[in-house]
């Protein structure tokens, strides 16, 4: 069940970090550190630099998020 307090935004992966973390540049210009969701890990979806992704951003810390979809 999707959490209602998160908001989904679009961005581009600019850097790959250790432990399936990524630095993502959002469409509004800010940078977010995001990790892969469990569904993407389970189905072995590869995320590469330059990919367009959808991110759920936490309302508590807008500099962190979770990658939920690769466009």
N, C-alpha and C. Protein backbone atom coordinates (compact mmCIF):
# COMPACT_ATOMS: atom_id res chain seq x y z
N UNK A 1 0.83 -1.18 0.00
CA UNK A 1 0.00 0.00 0.00
C UNK A 1 0.88 1.24 0.00
N UNK A 2 0.59 2.17 -0.88
CA UNK A 2 1.40 3.37 -1.00
C UNK A 2 1.15 4.32 0.17
N UNK A 3 2.24 4.88 0.68
CA UNK A 3 2.13 5.83 1.76
C UNK A 3 1.64 7.17 1.22
N UNK A 4 0.61 7.73 1.83
CA UNK A 4 0.00 8.96 1.33
C UNK A 4 0.86 10.20 1.58
N UNK A 5 1.81 10.13 2.53
CA UNK A 5 2.58 11.32 2.88
C UNK A 5 3.75 11.58 1.94
N UNK A 6 4.11 10.61 1.09
CA UNK A 6 5.21 10.83 0.17
C UNK A 6 4.69 11.46 -1.12
N UNK A 7 5.58 12.19 -1.79
CA UNK A 7 5.19 12.74 -3.07
C UNK A 7 6.15 12.23 -4.13
N UNK A 8 5.62 11.96 -5.32
CA UNK A 8 6.41 11.37 -6.40
C UNK A 8 6.88 12.48 -7.33
N UNK A 9 8.19 12.44 -7.66
CA UNK A 9 8.79 13.43 -8.54
C UNK A 9 9.67 12.74 -9.56
N UNK A 10 10.02 13.46 -10.62
CA UNK A 10 10.85 12.93 -11.70
C UNK A 10 12.26 13.51 -11.62
N UNK A 11 13.25 12.75 -12.08
CA UNK A 11 14.62 13.23 -12.08
C UNK A 11 15.51 12.37 -12.96
N UNK A 12 16.81 12.75 -13.03
CA UNK A 12 17.79 12.04 -13.82
C UNK A 12 18.95 11.61 -12.93
N UNK A 13 19.37 10.36 -13.06
CA UNK A 13 20.49 9.84 -12.26
C UNK A 13 21.78 10.48 -12.77
N UNK A 14 22.55 11.10 -11.86
CA UNK A 14 23.80 11.75 -12.25
C UNK A 14 25.03 11.04 -11.69
N UNK A 15 24.83 10.18 -10.66
CA UNK A 15 25.97 9.48 -10.07
C UNK A 15 25.49 8.22 -9.37
N UNK A 16 26.29 7.16 -9.50
CA UNK A 16 26.01 5.91 -8.81
C UNK A 16 26.89 5.84 -7.57
N UNK A 17 26.29 5.56 -6.42
CA UNK A 17 27.00 5.50 -5.14
C UNK A 17 26.96 4.05 -4.63
N UNK A 18 27.78 3.71 -3.62
CA UNK A 18 27.76 2.34 -3.08
C UNK A 18 26.42 1.99 -2.43
N UNK A 19 26.16 0.70 -2.30
CA UNK A 19 24.98 0.15 -1.62
C UNK A 19 23.67 0.54 -2.31
N UNK A 20 23.63 0.48 -3.62
CA UNK A 20 22.46 0.80 -4.44
C UNK A 20 21.87 2.17 -4.12
N UNK A 21 22.73 3.11 -3.82
CA UNK A 21 22.32 4.50 -3.66
C UNK A 21 22.70 5.27 -4.92
N UNK A 22 21.94 6.31 -5.22
CA UNK A 22 22.17 7.10 -6.42
C UNK A 22 21.97 8.57 -6.10
N UNK A 23 22.72 9.42 -6.79
CA UNK A 23 22.51 10.86 -6.70
C UNK A 23 21.66 11.23 -7.90
N UNK A 24 20.52 11.86 -7.64
CA UNK A 24 19.55 12.17 -8.69
C UNK A 24 19.33 13.67 -8.74
N UNK A 25 19.39 14.24 -9.95
CA UNK A 25 19.09 15.66 -10.15
C UNK A 25 17.62 15.76 -10.54
N UNK A 26 16.85 16.44 -9.69
CA UNK A 26 15.42 16.55 -9.92
C UNK A 26 15.14 17.57 -11.02
N UNK A 27 13.92 17.54 -11.54
CA UNK A 27 13.54 18.46 -12.61
C UNK A 27 13.56 19.92 -12.16
N UNK A 28 13.39 20.17 -10.85
CA UNK A 28 13.43 21.55 -10.36
C UNK A 28 14.84 22.02 -10.00
N UNK A 29 15.87 21.17 -10.22
CA UNK A 29 17.25 21.60 -10.05
C UNK A 29 17.96 21.11 -8.80
N UNK A 30 17.24 20.61 -7.81
CA UNK A 30 17.92 20.15 -6.58
C UNK A 30 18.40 18.72 -6.74
N UNK A 31 19.33 18.32 -5.86
CA UNK A 31 19.90 16.98 -5.90
C UNK A 31 19.42 16.18 -4.69
N UNK A 32 19.11 14.91 -4.93
CA UNK A 32 18.56 14.04 -3.91
C UNK A 32 19.37 12.74 -3.91
N UNK A 33 19.65 12.21 -2.71
CA UNK A 33 20.25 10.89 -2.57
C UNK A 33 19.09 9.91 -2.46
N UNK A 34 19.08 8.90 -3.35
CA UNK A 34 17.95 7.96 -3.38
C UNK A 34 18.47 6.52 -3.41
N UNK A 35 17.70 5.62 -2.81
CA UNK A 35 18.03 4.20 -2.85
C UNK A 35 16.95 3.46 -3.63
N UNK A 36 17.26 2.24 -4.05
CA UNK A 36 16.31 1.45 -4.84
C UNK A 36 15.22 0.88 -3.94
N UNK A 37 14.01 0.82 -4.48
CA UNK A 37 12.93 0.17 -3.76
C UNK A 37 13.11 -1.35 -3.83
N UNK A 38 12.45 -2.06 -2.96
CA UNK A 38 12.58 -3.51 -2.92
C UNK A 38 12.11 -4.20 -4.18
N UNK A 39 11.09 -3.66 -4.84
CA UNK A 39 10.58 -4.25 -6.07
C UNK A 39 11.62 -4.20 -7.18
N UNK A 40 12.36 -3.08 -7.28
CA UNK A 40 13.40 -2.95 -8.30
C UNK A 40 14.57 -3.89 -8.00
N UNK A 41 14.88 -4.08 -6.73
CA UNK A 41 15.94 -5.02 -6.36
C UNK A 41 15.52 -6.45 -6.66
N UNK A 42 14.29 -6.79 -6.35
CA UNK A 42 13.81 -8.16 -6.53
C UNK A 42 13.82 -8.58 -7.99
N UNK A 43 13.45 -7.68 -8.88
CA UNK A 43 13.39 -8.01 -10.30
C UNK A 43 14.65 -7.62 -11.06
N UNK A 44 15.71 -7.26 -10.33
CA UNK A 44 17.03 -6.96 -10.91
C UNK A 44 16.96 -5.88 -12.00
N UNK A 45 16.24 -4.80 -11.72
CA UNK A 45 16.16 -3.68 -12.64
C UNK A 45 17.43 -2.85 -12.49
N UNK A 46 18.15 -2.68 -13.59
CA UNK A 46 19.40 -1.92 -13.55
C UNK A 46 19.12 -0.44 -13.73
N UNK A 47 19.79 0.36 -12.90
CA UNK A 47 19.71 1.80 -13.00
C UNK A 47 21.11 2.29 -13.38
N UNK A 48 21.21 3.04 -14.46
CA UNK A 48 22.48 3.56 -14.95
C UNK A 48 22.47 5.08 -14.92
N UNK A 49 23.66 5.66 -14.97
CA UNK A 49 23.77 7.12 -15.03
C UNK A 49 23.10 7.60 -16.31
N UNK A 50 22.25 8.61 -16.18
CA UNK A 50 21.53 9.15 -17.32
C UNK A 50 20.09 8.67 -17.42
N UNK A 51 19.70 7.67 -16.63
CA UNK A 51 18.34 7.16 -16.66
C UNK A 51 17.36 8.16 -16.04
N UNK A 52 16.17 8.23 -16.61
CA UNK A 52 15.08 9.01 -16.03
C UNK A 52 14.37 8.12 -15.02
N UNK A 53 14.16 8.61 -13.79
CA UNK A 53 13.55 7.81 -12.74
C UNK A 53 12.46 8.61 -12.03
N UNK A 54 11.54 7.86 -11.40
CA UNK A 54 10.53 8.46 -10.53
C UNK A 54 10.94 8.17 -9.09
N UNK A 55 10.84 9.19 -8.25
CA UNK A 55 11.30 9.08 -6.87
C UNK A 55 10.18 9.48 -5.92
N UNK A 56 10.03 8.72 -4.85
CA UNK A 56 9.16 9.12 -3.75
C UNK A 56 10.03 9.84 -2.74
N UNK A 57 9.74 11.11 -2.50
CA UNK A 57 10.54 11.94 -1.59
C UNK A 57 9.85 12.01 -0.23
N UNK A 58 10.64 11.83 0.81
CA UNK A 58 10.11 11.87 2.17
C UNK A 58 9.75 13.30 2.57
N UNK A 59 8.62 13.50 3.24
CA UNK A 59 8.29 14.85 3.71
C UNK A 59 9.17 15.31 4.87
N UNK A 60 9.81 14.37 5.55
CA UNK A 60 10.64 14.71 6.70
C UNK A 60 12.03 15.17 6.29
N UNK A 61 12.59 14.59 5.23
CA UNK A 61 13.91 14.97 4.75
C UNK A 61 13.86 15.03 3.22
N UNK A 62 13.63 16.21 2.64
CA UNK A 62 13.49 16.31 1.18
C UNK A 62 14.78 16.07 0.41
N UNK A 63 15.90 15.84 1.09
CA UNK A 63 17.15 15.55 0.38
C UNK A 63 17.35 14.04 0.19
N UNK A 64 16.39 13.22 0.63
CA UNK A 64 16.48 11.77 0.51
C UNK A 64 15.19 11.22 -0.09
N UNK A 65 15.34 10.10 -0.81
CA UNK A 65 14.16 9.50 -1.42
C UNK A 65 14.38 8.05 -1.78
N UNK A 66 13.40 7.48 -2.48
CA UNK A 66 13.43 6.08 -2.90
C UNK A 66 13.03 6.01 -4.37
N UNK A 67 13.86 5.35 -5.17
CA UNK A 67 13.58 5.19 -6.60
C UNK A 67 12.53 4.09 -6.74
N UNK A 68 11.38 4.43 -7.35
CA UNK A 68 10.31 3.47 -7.47
C UNK A 68 10.01 3.07 -8.91
N UNK A 69 10.56 3.78 -9.90
CA UNK A 69 10.27 3.47 -11.29
C UNK A 69 11.37 4.02 -12.19
N UNK A 70 11.76 3.24 -13.19
CA UNK A 70 12.71 3.72 -14.19
C UNK A 70 11.96 3.95 -15.48
N UNK A 71 12.00 5.16 -16.01
CA UNK A 71 11.24 5.50 -17.22
C UNK A 71 11.95 5.02 -18.45
